[in-house]
């Protein structure tokens, strides 16, 4: 099922309304992407997949496909899964405009000045890892294609045991599996088809992956559960615990803000995080803002698939979606005073329905730093007033020199 066909059907909704054929097309597309991801492949960029998933959620909230991908039901539980049963993994609300209704609803729940934890939203594969007195005994994915694919063997290679947890009994840690920017080139040596950090993780974590492939991955943790963890009073306490017990956590900061200045504060924090992204080790696709104190967080309530106490802000720097494409040729555009290189890429359909064929490189130096040669993959951002902008694999923008 092609995205172009789905896009045509979506744009015709005013005339046709939501039909069974439209819903079936969305479901077929999601299933195809899920199956490809399980093979370590990537049919479309994440922005396209996320857009189709949102359309399916709007058109058919009770779709069996969505229930499979984001189900909170857990089968085949063992004694190692007690925290998965008590605290199922859920998704997070995504915000692409600070004036979205969801932001206004969020602010309306604030009872006064509150403390928030802002952290990088990492674009990897969500997993849960279980330790027994520091020994890694179980690891399961929470990705596009399945709920609970066993990756214990692979995780032993890129996480390993944590002696710092000896004495804590059964501990479940949740986080993201990622490829650091500096390891992406090495990952492509194992699989030249890798186009992005997300598909790269899929490839390096599959069942047939080797120890050498696994060791290119990193685990960044953002939540922890164990007997006694209920005594934590804030999410930042959990981050501190993880930092102190051998885990890397997402870059984050706490801040206080009241309802009247919440939108301004969210925009400012996103601007600050964008400057951090310039030297950050991982590709990110937004900033997560969470009510830090658990009592206050719980007062916001929750829905079937997400909590109401946090938001994923894809605004500012992250408003443009990221894509990747194979370069077919390099052409030179004549300006008033210079010639500028332009990458001619394979046709890349964006979520707006536009097809990108050319990515400006601005300066010959950028050909070198991006390895922008015919046959290579180039990454670029598209959307908003900025149009097409080349970027690094980790999402950092390439600016004109």
Foldseek 3Di string as FASTA:
>chain_A
DDLLVLLVVVVCCVPVPQDPVSLVVLLVVLQVQLVQLLVLAGPFDPQSNVVSVVVNCVRPVPDPSCCFLQPLDDPPDDPLCPVSVVPPDFDFAADLDLPDPLNVLLLVLFPWKFKKKKFFAFPAWKKKWKDAQQATDWIFTNHSHGDGDTQSVLCCLQPNTFNLSHPQGIKMWIFGKWAFLVCPVVLCVVPVNDQAGHSSNSNCRHPPHDSVSSNRIHTATQAMDTVVPVPDFWSVVRVVVQVVRPHHHTDIDMDIDTSVCVSVVLVVVFVVVLVVLQPDGAATQFMKMFRTGPVSQCSQPADSRGGSGMYGYCYDLNSWDKGKFAFAAWDWDDDPPDIWIKTQTDFHADPVRDTDGIATQQDPVSCVVAVRHHGHMWMWTADDPVGIFTAHSSSHTDDHD
